Amino acid sequence: LFPKTCLKMTRLAQAGLADEAEQP
């Protein structure tokens, strides 16, 4: 249902941006 939001969380975590991945 929310592919963009889920992809954003995944990509941020994969980039090592843990705090940013937590926000969504």
mmCIF file of all heavy atoms, coordinates in Angstrom:
data_MODEL
# 
_entry.id   MODEL 
# 
loop_
_atom_site.group_PDB 
_atom_site.id 
_atom_site.type_symbol 
_atom_site.label_atom_id 
_atom_site.label_alt_id 
_atom_site.label_comp_id 
_atom_site.label_asym_id 
_atom_site.label_entity_id 
_atom_site.label_seq_id 
_atom_site.pdbx_PDB_ins_code 
_atom_site.Cartn_x 
_atom_site.Cartn_y 
_atom_site.Cartn_z 
_atom_site.occupancy 
_atom_site.B_iso_or_equiv 
_atom_site.pdbx_formal_charge 
_atom_site.auth_seq_id 
_atom_site.auth_comp_id 
_atom_site.auth_asym_id 
_atom_site.auth_atom_id 
_atom_site.pdbx_PDB_model_num 
ATOM 1   N N   . LEU A 1 1  ? 0.809  -1.222 0.000  1.00 0.00 ? 1  LEU A N   1 
ATOM 2   C CA  . LEU A 1 1  ? 0.000  0.000  0.000  1.00 0.00 ? 1  LEU A CA  1 
ATOM 3   C C   . LEU A 1 1  ? 0.840  1.269  0.000  1.00 0.00 ? 1  LEU A C   1 
ATOM 4   O O   . LEU A 1 1  ? 0.451  2.270  -0.590 1.00 0.00 ? 1  LEU A O   1 
ATOM 5   C CB  . LEU A 1 1  ? -0.908 0.037  1.236  1.00 0.00 ? 1  LEU A CB  1 
ATOM 6   C CG  . LEU A 1 1  ? -2.094 -0.889 1.238  1.00 0.00 ? 1  LEU A CG  1 
ATOM 7   C CD1 . LEU A 1 1  ? -2.878 -0.720 2.532  1.00 0.00 ? 1  LEU A CD1 1 
ATOM 8   C CD2 . LEU A 1 1  ? -3.000 -0.606 0.053  1.00 0.00 ? 1  LEU A CD2 1 
ATOM 9   N N   . PHE A 1 2  ? 1.954  1.234  0.693  1.00 0.00 ? 2  PHE A N   1 
ATOM 10  C CA  . PHE A 1 2  ? 2.798  2.422  0.841  1.00 0.00 ? 2  PHE A CA  1 
ATOM 11  C C   . PHE A 1 2  ? 4.228  2.114  0.397  1.00 0.00 ? 2  PHE A C   1 
ATOM 12  O O   . PHE A 1 2  ? 5.173  2.186  1.195  1.00 0.00 ? 2  PHE A O   1 
ATOM 13  C CB  . PHE A 1 2  ? 2.778  2.908  2.289  1.00 0.00 ? 2  PHE A CB  1 
ATOM 14  C CG  . PHE A 1 2  ? 1.398  3.149  2.839  1.00 0.00 ? 2  PHE A CG  1 
ATOM 15  C CD1 . PHE A 1 2  ? 0.930  2.444  3.920  1.00 0.00 ? 2  PHE A CD1 1 
ATOM 16  C CD2 . PHE A 1 2  ? 0.554  4.085  2.247  1.00 0.00 ? 2  PHE A CD2 1 
ATOM 17  C CE1 . PHE A 1 2  ? -0.343 2.654  4.430  1.00 0.00 ? 2  PHE A CE1 1 
ATOM 18  C CE2 . PHE A 1 2  ? -0.726 4.306  2.735  1.00 0.00 ? 2  PHE A CE2 1 
ATOM 19  C CZ  . PHE A 1 2  ? -1.174 3.585  3.831  1.00 0.00 ? 2  PHE A CZ  1 
ATOM 20  N N   . PRO A 1 3  ? 4.415  1.775  -0.883 1.00 0.00 ? 3  PRO A N   1 
ATOM 21  C CA  . PRO A 1 3  ? 5.751  1.360  -1.332 1.00 0.00 ? 3  PRO A CA  1 
ATOM 22  C C   . PRO A 1 3  ? 6.810  2.453  -1.195 1.00 0.00 ? 3  PRO A C   1 
ATOM 23  O O   . PRO A 1 3  ? 7.954  2.154  -0.853 1.00 0.00 ? 3  PRO A O   1 
ATOM 24  C CB  . PRO A 1 3  ? 5.530  0.972  -2.796 1.00 0.00 ? 3  PRO A CB  1 
ATOM 25  C CG  . PRO A 1 3  ? 4.275  1.674  -3.206 1.00 0.00 ? 3  PRO A CG  1 
ATOM 26  C CD  . PRO A 1 3  ? 3.434  1.775  -1.970 1.00 0.00 ? 3  PRO A CD  1 
ATOM 27  N N   . LYS A 1 4  ? 6.460  3.701  -1.436 1.00 0.00 ? 4  LYS A N   1 
ATOM 28  C CA  . LYS A 1 4  ? 7.457  4.774  -1.347 1.00 0.00 ? 4  LYS A CA  1 
ATOM 29  C C   . LYS A 1 4  ? 7.958  4.951  0.082  1.00 0.00 ? 4  LYS A C   1 
ATOM 30  O O   . LYS A 1 4  ? 9.159  5.113  0.308  1.00 0.00 ? 4  LYS A O   1 
ATOM 31  C CB  . LYS A 1 4  ? 6.883  6.088  -1.878 1.00 0.00 ? 4  LYS A CB  1 
ATOM 32  C CG  . LYS A 1 4  ? 6.637  6.069  -3.373 1.00 0.00 ? 4  LYS A CG  1 
ATOM 33  C CD  . LYS A 1 4  ? 6.022  7.364  -3.846 1.00 0.00 ? 4  LYS A CD  1 
ATOM 34  C CE  . LYS A 1 4  ? 5.692  7.282  -5.326 1.00 0.00 ? 4  LYS A CE  1 
ATOM 35  N NZ  . LYS A 1 4  ? 5.047  8.500  -5.806 1.00 0.00 ? 4  LYS A NZ  1 
ATOM 36  N N   . THR A 1 5  ? 7.043  4.914  1.040  1.00 0.00 ? 5  THR A N   1 
ATOM 37  C CA  . THR A 1 5  ? 7.425  5.063  2.450  1.00 0.00 ? 5  THR A CA  1 
ATOM 38  C C   . THR A 1 5  ? 8.301  3.893  2.888  1.00 0.00 ? 5  THR A C   1 
ATOM 39  O O   . THR A 1 5  ? 9.336  4.093  3.538  1.00 0.00 ? 5  THR A O   1 
ATOM 40  C CB  . THR A 1 5  ? 6.173  5.152  3.339  1.00 0.00 ? 5  THR A CB  1 
ATOM 41  O OG1 . THR A 1 5  ? 5.410  6.285  2.928  1.00 0.00 ? 5  THR A OG1 1 
ATOM 42  C CG2 . THR A 1 5  ? 6.538  5.288  4.801  1.00 0.00 ? 5  THR A CG2 1 
ATOM 43  N N   . CYS A 1 6  ? 7.908  2.694  2.532  1.00 0.00 ? 6  CYS A N   1 
ATOM 44  C CA  . CYS A 1 6  ? 8.675  1.509  2.929  1.00 0.00 ? 6  CYS A CA  1 
ATOM 45  C C   . CYS A 1 6  ? 10.045 1.483  2.255  1.00 0.00 ? 6  CYS A C   1 
ATOM 46  O O   . CYS A 1 6  ? 11.050 1.146  2.898  1.00 0.00 ? 6  CYS A O   1 
ATOM 47  C CB  . CYS A 1 6  ? 7.885  0.246  2.615  1.00 0.00 ? 6  CYS A CB  1 
ATOM 48  S SG  . CYS A 1 6  ? 6.381  0.095  3.616  1.00 0.00 ? 6  CYS A SG  1 
ATOM 49  N N   . LEU A 1 7  ? 10.101 1.857  0.988  1.00 0.00 ? 7  LEU A N   1 
ATOM 50  C CA  . LEU A 1 7  ? 11.379 1.906  0.288  1.00 0.00 ? 7  LEU A CA  1 
ATOM 51  C C   . LEU A 1 7  ? 12.287 2.973  0.899  1.00 0.00 ? 7  LEU A C   1 
ATOM 52  O O   . LEU A 1 7  ? 13.495 2.751  1.063  1.00 0.00 ? 7  LEU A O   1 
ATOM 53  C CB  . LEU A 1 7  ? 11.171 2.171  -1.205 1.00 0.00 ? 7  LEU A CB  1 
ATOM 54  C CG  . LEU A 1 7  ? 12.444 2.182  -2.053 1.00 0.00 ? 7  LEU A CG  1 
ATOM 55  C CD1 . LEU A 1 7  ? 13.159 0.834  -1.986 1.00 0.00 ? 7  LEU A CD1 1 
ATOM 56  C CD2 . LEU A 1 7  ? 12.108 2.542  -3.495 1.00 0.00 ? 7  LEU A CD2 1 
ATOM 57  N N   . LYS A 1 8  ? 11.711 4.111  1.271  1.00 0.00 ? 8  LYS A N   1 
ATOM 58  C CA  . LYS A 1 8  ? 12.498 5.169  1.904  1.00 0.00 ? 8  LYS A CA  1 
ATOM 59  C C   . LYS A 1 8  ? 13.129 4.668  3.201  1.00 0.00 ? 8  LYS A C   1 
ATOM 60  O O   . LYS A 1 8  ? 14.330 4.879  3.425  1.00 0.00 ? 8  LYS A O   1 
ATOM 61  C CB  . LYS A 1 8  ? 11.602 6.378  2.189  1.00 0.00 ? 8  LYS A CB  1 
ATOM 62  C CG  . LYS A 1 8  ? 12.310 7.525  2.865  1.00 0.00 ? 8  LYS A CG  1 
ATOM 63  C CD  . LYS A 1 8  ? 11.357 8.680  3.115  1.00 0.00 ? 8  LYS A CD  1 
ATOM 64  C CE  . LYS A 1 8  ? 12.055 9.832  3.811  1.00 0.00 ? 8  LYS A CE  1 
ATOM 65  N NZ  . LYS A 1 8  ? 11.143 10.972 4.025  1.00 0.00 ? 8  LYS A NZ  1 
ATOM 66  N N   . MET A 1 9  ? 12.347 4.002  4.044  1.00 0.00 ? 9  MET A N   1 
ATOM 67  C CA  . MET A 1 9  ? 12.892 3.470  5.297  1.00 0.00 ? 9  MET A CA  1 
ATOM 68  C C   . MET A 1 9  ? 14.013 2.472  5.011  1.00 0.00 ? 9  MET A C   1 
ATOM 69  O O   . MET A 1 9  ? 15.067 2.500  5.665  1.00 0.00 ? 9  MET A O   1 
ATOM 70  C CB  . MET A 1 9  ? 11.793 2.797  6.117  1.00 0.00 ? 9  MET A CB  1 
ATOM 71  C CG  . MET A 1 9  ? 10.827 3.762  6.734  1.00 0.00 ? 9  MET A CG  1 
ATOM 72  S SD  . MET A 1 9  ? 9.671  2.988  7.900  1.00 0.00 ? 9  MET A SD  1 
ATOM 73  C CE  . MET A 1 9  ? 8.572  2.138  6.794  1.00 0.00 ? 9  MET A CE  1 
ATOM 74  N N   . THR A 1 10 ? 13.800 1.610  4.023  1.00 0.00 ? 10 THR A N   1 
ATOM 75  C CA  . THR A 1 10 ? 14.793 0.595  3.680  1.00 0.00 ? 10 THR A CA  1 
ATOM 76  C C   . THR A 1 10 ? 16.083 1.232  3.186  1.00 0.00 ? 10 THR A C   1 
ATOM 77  O O   . THR A 1 10 ? 17.175 0.899  3.656  1.00 0.00 ? 10 THR A O   1 
ATOM 78  C CB  . THR A 1 10 ? 14.237 -0.355 2.610  1.00 0.00 ? 10 THR A CB  1 
ATOM 79  O OG1 . THR A 1 10 ? 13.044 -0.967 3.112  1.00 0.00 ? 10 THR A OG1 1 
ATOM 80  C CG2 . THR A 1 10 ? 15.240 -1.423 2.223  1.00 0.00 ? 10 THR A CG2 1 
ATOM 81  N N   . ARG A 1 11 ? 15.961 2.153  2.254  1.00 0.00 ? 11 ARG A N   1 
ATOM 82  C CA  . ARG A 1 11 ? 17.157 2.792  1.679  1.00 0.00 ? 11 ARG A CA  1 
ATOM 83  C C   . ARG A 1 11 ? 17.934 3.601  2.719  1.00 0.00 ? 11 ARG A C   1 
ATOM 84  O O   . ARG A 1 11 ? 19.167 3.583  2.727  1.00 0.00 ? 11 ARG A O   1 
ATOM 85  C CB  . ARG A 1 11 ? 16.778 3.682  0.496  1.00 0.00 ? 11 ARG A CB  1 
ATOM 86  C CG  . ARG A 1 11 ? 16.207 2.935  -0.688 1.00 0.00 ? 11 ARG A CG  1 
ATOM 87  C CD  . ARG A 1 11 ? 17.263 2.075  -1.368 1.00 0.00 ? 11 ARG A CD  1 
ATOM 88  N NE  . ARG A 1 11 ? 16.724 1.472  -2.557 1.00 0.00 ? 11 ARG A NE  1 
ATOM 89  C CZ  . ARG A 1 11 ? 16.620 0.154  -2.761 1.00 0.00 ? 11 ARG A CZ  1 
ATOM 90  N NH1 . ARG A 1 11 ? 17.051 -0.675 -1.843 1.00 0.00 ? 11 ARG A NH1 1 
ATOM 91  N NH2 . ARG A 1 11 ? 16.121 -0.312 -3.873 1.00 0.00 ? 11 ARG A NH2 1 
ATOM 92  N N   . LEU A 1 12 ? 17.228 4.304  3.601  1.00 0.00 ? 12 LEU A N   1 
ATOM 93  C CA  . LEU A 1 12 ? 17.914 5.065  4.647  1.00 0.00 ? 12 LEU A CA  1 
ATOM 94  C C   . LEU A 1 12 ? 18.669 4.130  5.588  1.00 0.00 ? 12 LEU A C   1 
ATOM 95  O O   . LEU A 1 12 ? 19.822 4.401  5.945  1.00 0.00 ? 12 LEU A O   1 
ATOM 96  C CB  . LEU A 1 12 ? 16.913 5.924  5.427  1.00 0.00 ? 12 LEU A CB  1 
ATOM 97  C CG  . LEU A 1 12 ? 16.365 7.140  4.680  1.00 0.00 ? 12 LEU A CG  1 
ATOM 98  C CD1 . LEU A 1 12 ? 15.168 7.733  5.421  1.00 0.00 ? 12 LEU A CD1 1 
ATOM 99  C CD2 . LEU A 1 12 ? 17.456 8.189  4.477  1.00 0.00 ? 12 LEU A CD2 1 
ATOM 100 N N   . ALA A 1 13 ? 18.042 3.043  5.975  1.00 0.00 ? 13 ALA A N   1 
ATOM 101 C CA  . ALA A 1 13 ? 18.717 2.073  6.854  1.00 0.00 ? 13 ALA A CA  1 
ATOM 102 C C   . ALA A 1 13 ? 19.915 1.451  6.153  1.00 0.00 ? 13 ALA A C   1 
ATOM 103 O O   . ALA A 1 13 ? 20.994 1.331  6.745  1.00 0.00 ? 13 ALA A O   1 
ATOM 104 C CB  . ALA A 1 13 ? 17.738 0.992  7.303  1.00 0.00 ? 13 ALA A CB  1 
ATOM 105 N N   . GLN A 1 14 ? 19.758 1.103  4.879  1.00 0.00 ? 14 GLN A N   1 
ATOM 106 C CA  . GLN A 1 14 ? 20.863 0.515  4.125  1.00 0.00 ? 14 GLN A CA  1 
ATOM 107 C C   . GLN A 1 14 ? 22.029 1.484  3.968  1.00 0.00 ? 14 GLN A C   1 
ATOM 108 O O   . GLN A 1 14 ? 23.178 1.062  3.868  1.00 0.00 ? 14 GLN A O   1 
ATOM 109 C CB  . GLN A 1 14 ? 20.385 0.055  2.752  1.00 0.00 ? 14 GLN A CB  1 
ATOM 110 C CG  . GLN A 1 14 ? 19.484 -1.152 2.799  1.00 0.00 ? 14 GLN A CG  1 
ATOM 111 C CD  . GLN A 1 14 ? 18.897 -1.507 1.452  1.00 0.00 ? 14 GLN A CD  1 
ATOM 112 O OE1 . GLN A 1 14 ? 18.713 -0.656 0.578  1.00 0.00 ? 14 GLN A OE1 1 
ATOM 113 N NE2 . GLN A 1 14 ? 18.572 -2.776 1.273  1.00 0.00 ? 14 GLN A NE2 1 
ATOM 114 N N   . ALA A 1 15 ? 21.725 2.774  3.957  1.00 0.00 ? 15 ALA A N   1 
ATOM 115 C CA  . ALA A 1 15 ? 22.764 3.798  3.836  1.00 0.00 ? 15 ALA A CA  1 
ATOM 116 C C   . ALA A 1 15 ? 23.423 4.118  5.179  1.00 0.00 ? 15 ALA A C   1 
ATOM 117 O O   . ALA A 1 15 ? 24.302 4.974  5.255  1.00 0.00 ? 15 ALA A O   1 
ATOM 118 C CB  . ALA A 1 15 ? 22.174 5.071  3.224  1.00 0.00 ? 15 ALA A CB  1 
ATOM 119 N N   . GLY A 1 16 ? 22.974 3.434  6.242  1.00 0.00 ? 16 GLY A N   1 
ATOM 120 C CA  . GLY A 1 16 ? 23.550 3.680  7.558  1.00 0.00 ? 16 GLY A CA  1 
ATOM 121 C C   . GLY A 1 16 ? 22.972 4.893  8.261  1.00 0.00 ? 16 GLY A C   1 
ATOM 122 O O   . GLY A 1 16 ? 23.538 5.363  9.245  1.00 0.00 ? 16 GLY A O   1 
ATOM 123 N N   . LEU A 1 17 ? 21.853 5.402  7.775  1.00 0.00 ? 17 LEU A N   1 
ATOM 124 C CA  . LEU A 1 17 ? 21.215 6.584  8.354  1.00 0.00 ? 17 LEU A CA  1 
ATOM 125 C C   . LEU A 1 17 ? 20.083 6.129  9.284  1.00 0.00 ? 17 LEU A C   1 
ATOM 126 O O   . LEU A 1 17 ? 18.900 6.337  9.023  1.00 0.00 ? 17 LEU A O   1 
ATOM 127 C CB  . LEU A 1 17 ? 20.696 7.495  7.239  1.00 0.00 ? 17 LEU A CB  1 
ATOM 128 C CG  . LEU A 1 17 ? 21.774 7.982  6.256  1.00 0.00 ? 17 LEU A CG  1 
ATOM 129 C CD1 . LEU A 1 17 ? 21.157 8.664  5.061  1.00 0.00 ? 17 LEU A CD1 1 
ATOM 130 C CD2 . LEU A 1 17 ? 22.768 8.899  6.964  1.00 0.00 ? 17 LEU A CD2 1 
ATOM 131 N N   . ALA A 1 18 ? 20.479 5.517  10.389 1.00 0.00 ? 18 ALA A N   1 
ATOM 132 C CA  . ALA A 1 18 ? 19.527 4.879  11.299 1.00 0.00 ? 18 ALA A CA  1 
ATOM 133 C C   . ALA A 1 18 ? 18.487 5.849  11.842 1.00 0.00 ? 18 ALA A C   1 
ATOM 134 O O   . ALA A 1 18 ? 17.298 5.530  11.865 1.00 0.00 ? 18 ALA A O   1 
ATOM 135 C CB  . ALA A 1 18 ? 20.278 4.206  12.448 1.00 0.00 ? 18 ALA A CB  1 
ATOM 136 N N   . ASP A 1 19 ? 18.919 7.016  12.284 1.00 0.00 ? 19 ASP A N   1 
ATOM 137 C CA  . ASP A 1 19 ? 17.963 7.980  12.855 1.00 0.00 ? 19 ASP A CA  1 
ATOM 138 C C   . ASP A 1 19 ? 16.953 8.439  11.817 1.00 0.00 ? 19 ASP A C   1 
ATOM 139 O O   . ASP A 1 19 ? 15.759 8.552  12.107 1.00 0.00 ? 19 ASP A O   1 
ATOM 140 C CB  . ASP A 1 19 ? 18.687 9.185  13.449 1.00 0.00 ? 19 ASP A CB  1 
ATOM 141 C CG  . ASP A 1 19 ? 19.469 8.833  14.704 1.00 0.00 ? 19 ASP A CG  1 
ATOM 142 O OD1 . ASP A 1 19 ? 19.153 7.810  15.343 1.00 0.00 ? 19 ASP A OD1 1 
ATOM 143 O OD2 . ASP A 1 19 ? 20.400 9.591  15.039 1.00 0.00 ? 19 ASP A OD2 1 
ATOM 144 N N   . GLU A 1 20 ? 17.424 8.688  10.604 1.00 0.00 ? 20 GLU A N   1 
ATOM 145 C CA  . GLU A 1 20 ? 16.520 9.116  9.538  1.00 0.00 ? 20 GLU A CA  1 
ATOM 146 C C   . GLU A 1 20 ? 15.558 8.000  9.153  1.00 0.00 ? 20 GLU A C   1 
ATOM 147 O O   . GLU A 1 20 ? 14.401 8.255  8.821  1.00 0.00 ? 20 GLU A O   1 
ATOM 148 C CB  . GLU A 1 20 ? 17.306 9.590  8.308  1.00 0.00 ? 20 GLU A CB  1 
ATOM 149 C CG  . GLU A 1 20 ? 18.038 10.890 8.517  1.00 0.00 ? 20 GLU A CG  1 
ATOM 150 C CD  . GLU A 1 20 ? 19.450 10.704 9.094  1.00 0.00 ? 20 GLU A CD  1 
ATOM 151 O OE1 . GLU A 1 20 ? 19.749 9.620  9.653  1.00 0.00 ? 20 GLU A OE1 1 
ATOM 152 O OE2 . GLU A 1 20 ? 20.242 11.649 9.000  1.00 0.00 ? 20 GLU A OE2 1 
ATOM 153 N N   . ALA A 1 21 ? 16.015 6.759  9.194  1.00 0.00 ? 21 ALA A N   1 
ATOM 154 C CA  . ALA A 1 21 ? 15.155 5.616  8.871  1.00 0.00 ? 21 ALA A CA  1 
ATOM 155 C C   . ALA A 1 21 ? 14.061 5.437  9.916  1.00 0.00 ? 21 ALA A C   1 
ATOM 156 O O   . ALA A 1 21 ? 12.964 4.979  9.596  1.00 0.00 ? 21 ALA A O   1 
ATOM 157 C CB  . ALA A 1 21 ? 15.992 4.339  8.760  1.00 0.00 ? 21 ALA A CB  1 
ATOM 158 N N   . GLU A 1 22 ? 14.354 5.807  11.146 1.00 0.00 ? 22 GLU A N   1 
ATOM 159 C CA  . GLU A 1 22 ? 13.372 5.683  12.229 1.00 0.00 ? 22 GLU A CA  1 
ATOM 160 C C   . GLU A 1 22 ? 12.213 6.668  12.081 1.00 0.00 ? 22 GLU A C   1 
ATOM 161 O O   . GLU A 1 22 ? 11.103 6.388  12.538 1.00 0.00 ? 22 GLU A O   1 
ATOM 162 C CB  . GLU A 1 22 ? 14.036 5.907  13.586 1.00 0.00 ? 22 GLU A CB  1 
ATOM 163 C CG  . GLU A 1 22 ? 14.952 4.805  14.034 1.00 0.00 ? 22 GLU A CG  1 
ATOM 164 C CD  . GLU A 1 22 ? 14.237 3.592  14.571 1.00 0.00 ? 22 GLU A CD  1 
ATOM 165 O OE1 . GLU A 1 22 ? 13.023 3.656  14.829 1.00 0.00 ? 22 GLU A OE1 1 
ATOM 166 O OE2 . GLU A 1 22 ? 14.911 2.565  14.737 1.00 0.00 ? 22 GLU A OE2 1 
ATOM 167 N N   . GLN A 1 23 ? 12.449 7.813  11.455 1.00 0.00 ? 23 GLN A N   1 
ATOM 168 C CA  . GLN A 1 23 ? 11.423 8.862  11.397 1.00 0.00 ? 23 GLN A CA  1 
ATOM 169 C C   . GLN A 1 23 ? 10.131 8.403  10.726 1.00 0.00 ? 23 GLN A C   1 
ATOM 170 O O   . GLN A 1 23 ? 9.057  8.568  11.312 1.00 0.00 ? 23 GLN A O   1 
ATOM 171 C CB  . GLN A 1 23 ? 11.986 10.121 10.736 1.00 0.00 ? 23 GLN A CB  1 
ATOM 172 C CG  . GLN A 1 23 ? 13.027 10.798 11.598 1.00 0.00 ? 23 GLN A CG  1 
ATOM 173 C CD  . GLN A 1 23 ? 13.726 11.955 10.898 1.00 0.00 ? 23 GLN A CD  1 
ATOM 174 O OE1 . GLN A 1 23 ? 13.453 12.258 9.747  1.00 0.00 ? 23 GLN A OE1 1 
ATOM 175 N NE2 . GLN A 1 23 ? 14.639 12.594 11.610 1.00 0.00 ? 23 GLN A NE2 1 
ATOM 176 N N   . PRO A 1 24 ? 10.165 7.849  9.518  1.00 0.00 ? 24 PRO A N   1 
ATOM 177 C CA  . PRO A 1 24 ? 8.890  7.387  8.926  1.00 0.00 ? 24 PRO A CA  1 
ATOM 178 C C   . PRO A 1 24 ? 8.247  6.267  9.735  1.00 0.00 ? 24 PRO A C   1 
ATOM 179 O O   . PRO A 1 24 ? 7.018  6.200  9.852  1.00 0.00 ? 24 PRO A O   1 
ATOM 180 C CB  . PRO A 1 24 ? 9.279  6.895  7.526  1.00 0.00 ? 24 PRO A CB  1 
ATOM 181 C CG  . PRO A 1 24 ? 10.657 7.354  7.289  1.00 0.00 ? 24 PRO A CG  1 
ATOM 182 C CD  . PRO A 1 24 ? 11.277 7.685  8.604  1.00 0.00 ? 24 PRO A CD  1 
# 
